[in-house]
C-alpha atoms as a PDB file:
ATOM      1  CA  UNK A   1      12.580   6.996  11.552  1.00  0.00           C
ATOM      2  CA  UNK A   2      13.015   6.139   7.565  1.00  0.00           C
ATOM      3  CA  UNK A   3       9.923   6.479   5.326  1.00  0.00           C
ATOM      4  CA  UNK A   4       9.421   2.556   4.849  1.00  0.00           C
ATOM      5  CA  UNK A   5       9.363   2.248   8.842  1.00  0.00           C
ATOM      6  CA  UNK A   6       6.774   5.139   9.139  1.00  0.00           C
ATOM      7  CA  UNK A   7       4.681   3.626   6.353  1.00  0.00           C
ATOM      8  CA  UNK A   8       4.861   0.150   7.893  1.00  0.00           C
ATOM      9  CA  UNK A   9       3.822   1.549  11.083  1.00  0.00           C
ATOM     10  CA  UNK A  10       1.081   3.229   9.540  1.00  0.00           C
ATOM     11  CA  UNK A  11      -0.124   0.050   8.024  1.00  0.00           C
ATOM     12  CA  UNK A  12       0.106  -1.910  11.032  1.00  0.00           C
ATOM     13  CA  UNK A  13      -2.271   0.460  12.715  1.00  0.00           C
ATOM     14  CA  UNK A  14      -4.658   0.378   9.876  1.00  0.00           C
ATOM     15  CA  UNK A  15      -4.629  -3.422   9.961  1.00  0.00           C
ATOM     16  CA  UNK A  16      -5.228  -3.568  13.635  1.00  0.00           C
ATOM     17  CA  UNK A  17      -8.390  -1.602  12.674  1.00  0.00           C
ATOM     18  CA  UNK A  18      -9.855  -4.119  10.404  1.00  0.00           C
ATOM     19  CA  UNK A  19     -11.926  -7.229  11.282  1.00  0.00           C
ATOM     20  CA  UNK A  20     -10.133 -10.327  11.087  1.00  0.00           C
ATOM     21  CA  UNK A  21     -10.199 -12.152   7.746  1.00  0.00           C
ATOM     22  CA  UNK A  22     -11.181 -10.537   4.225  1.00  0.00           C
ATOM     23  CA  UNK A  23      -9.685  -9.570   0.985  1.00  0.00           C
ATOM     24  CA  UNK A  24      -8.598  -6.066   2.179  1.00  0.00           C
ATOM     25  CA  UNK A  25      -6.582  -7.595   5.259  1.00  0.00           C
ATOM     26  CA  UNK A  26      -4.992  -9.887   2.752  1.00  0.00           C
ATOM     27  CA  UNK A  27      -4.373  -6.858   0.530  1.00  0.00           C
ATOM     28  CA  UNK A  28      -2.859  -5.146   3.487  1.00  0.00           C
ATOM     29  CA  UNK A  29      -0.977  -7.922   4.373  1.00  0.00           C
ATOM     30  CA  UNK A  30       0.553  -8.234   0.705  1.00  0.00           C
ATOM     31  CA  UNK A  31       1.287  -4.328   0.601  1.00  0.00           C
ATOM     32  CA  UNK A  32       3.317  -4.564   4.089  1.00  0.00           C
ATOM     33  CA  UNK A  33       5.419  -7.543   2.212  1.00  0.00           C
ATOM     34  CA  UNK A  34       6.056  -5.463  -0.867  1.00  0.00           C
ATOM     35  CA  UNK A  35       7.132  -2.255   1.449  1.00  0.00           C
ATOM     36  CA  UNK A  36       9.421  -4.644   3.595  1.00  0.00           C
ATOM     37  CA  UNK A  37      10.990  -5.943   0.074  1.00  0.00           C
ATOM     38  CA  UNK A  38      11.211  -2.376  -1.381  1.00  0.00           C
ATOM     39  CA  UNK A  39      12.821  -0.506   1.675  1.00  0.00           C
ATOM     40  CA  UNK A  40      15.834   0.966  -0.370  1.00  0.00           C
ATOM     41  CA  UNK A  41      13.555   2.583  -3.074  1.00  0.00           C
ATOM     42  CA  UNK A  42      10.864   3.746  -0.638  1.00  0.00           C
ATOM     43  CA  UNK A  43      13.618   5.119   1.711  1.00  0.00           C
ATOM     44  CA  UNK A  44      14.991   7.339  -1.191  1.00  0.00           C
ATOM     45  CA  UNK A  45      11.779   9.500  -0.736  1.00  0.00           C
ATOM     46  CA  UNK A  46      11.262  12.164   1.572  1.00  0.00           C
ATOM     47  CA  UNK A  47       7.916  10.865   2.559  1.00  0.00           C
ATOM     48  CA  UNK A  48       4.398   9.696   1.308  1.00  0.00           C
ATOM     49  CA  UNK A  49       0.719  10.456   1.177  1.00  0.00           C
ATOM     50  CA  UNK A  50      -2.058   8.355   0.505  1.00  0.00           C
ATOM     51  CA  UNK A  51      -4.026   9.000  -2.716  1.00  0.00           C
ATOM     52  CA  UNK A  52      -7.658   8.879  -3.230  1.00  0.00           C
ATOM     53  CA  UNK A  53      -9.868   5.521  -2.888  1.00  0.00           C
ATOM     54  CA  UNK A  54     -10.859   4.510  -6.344  1.00  0.00           C
ATOM     55  CA  UNK A  55     -13.497   2.059  -7.380  1.00  0.00           C
ATOM     56  CA  UNK A  56     -15.034   0.634 -10.391  1.00  0.00           C
ATOM     57  CA  UNK A  57     -16.297  -2.623 -12.194  1.00  0.00           C
ATOM     58  CA  UNK A  58     -12.781  -4.484 -12.110  1.00  0.00           C
ATOM     59  CA  UNK A  59     -12.180  -3.814  -8.218  1.00  0.00           C
ATOM     60  CA  UNK A  60     -10.957  -0.920  -5.983  1.00  0.00           C
ATOM     61  CA  UNK A  61      -7.477   0.636  -5.480  1.00  0.00           C
ATOM     62  CA  UNK A  62      -5.648   3.047  -3.930  1.00  0.00           C
ATOM     63  CA  UNK A  63      -2.256   4.567  -3.932  1.00  0.00           C
ATOM     64  CA  UNK A  64       0.687   5.897  -1.824  1.00  0.00           C
ATOM     65  CA  UNK A  65       2.479   8.514  -3.335  1.00  0.00           C
ATOM     66  CA  UNK A  66       6.049   8.817  -3.051  1.00  0.00           C
ATOM     67  CA  UNK A  67       8.806  11.186  -4.505  1.00  0.00           C
ATOM     68  CA  UNK A  68      10.200   8.838  -6.532  1.00  0.00           C
ATOM     69  CA  UNK A  69       6.897   6.513  -7.818  1.00  0.00           C
ATOM     70  CA  UNK A  70       3.675   5.420  -6.846  1.00  0.00           C
ATOM     71  CA  UNK A  71       2.664   2.296  -4.920  1.00  0.00           C
ATOM     72  CA  UNK A  72      -0.714   1.226  -6.108  1.00  0.00           C
ATOM     73  CA  UNK A  73      -2.689  -1.697  -4.188  1.00  0.00           C
ATOM     74  CA  UNK A  74      -6.221  -2.903  -4.053  1.00  0.00           C
ATOM     75  CA  UNK A  75      -8.464  -5.678  -5.220  1.00  0.00           C
ATOM     76  CA  UNK A  76      -8.955  -6.614  -8.752  1.00  0.00           C
ATOM     77  CA  UNK A  77     -11.215  -9.581  -9.713  1.00  0.00           C
ATOM     78  CA  UNK A  78     -11.480 -10.650  -6.200  1.00  0.00           C
ATOM     79  CA  UNK A  79      -7.714 -10.742  -5.714  1.00  0.00           C
ATOM     80  CA  UNK A  80      -5.176  -8.601  -3.890  1.00  0.00           C
ATOM     81  CA  UNK A  81      -2.365  -6.848  -5.799  1.00  0.00           C
ATOM     82  CA  UNK A  82       0.440  -4.271  -5.544  1.00  0.00           C
ATOM     83  CA  UNK A  83       2.716  -2.665  -7.861  1.00  0.00           C
ATOM     84  CA  UNK A  84       4.811   0.335  -8.695  1.00  0.00           C
ATOM     85  CA  UNK A  85       3.795   2.981 -10.935  1.00  0.00           C
ATOM     86  CA  UNK A  86       5.718   5.804 -12.162  1.00  0.00           C
ATOM     87  CA  UNK A  87       4.540   9.386 -10.883  1.00  0.00           C
END
């Protein structure tokens, strides 16, 4: 199973544990779409791990740490986001 397939499976499990609706559900759905769109880059990594949850006045975020970059996802200003960062 590829790295992106494992990650999508883990995200689907987490999504299934959440209540219907809400900004965190929207955030996870956006993250899953991002993973699907970036499979080639994600699959270049041998694996991934989740970083620490962070929260401040702007919102909250978490990181998925890969060998070749970091996916940052969360909510800022009441809106979900997902983006790449360099390690």
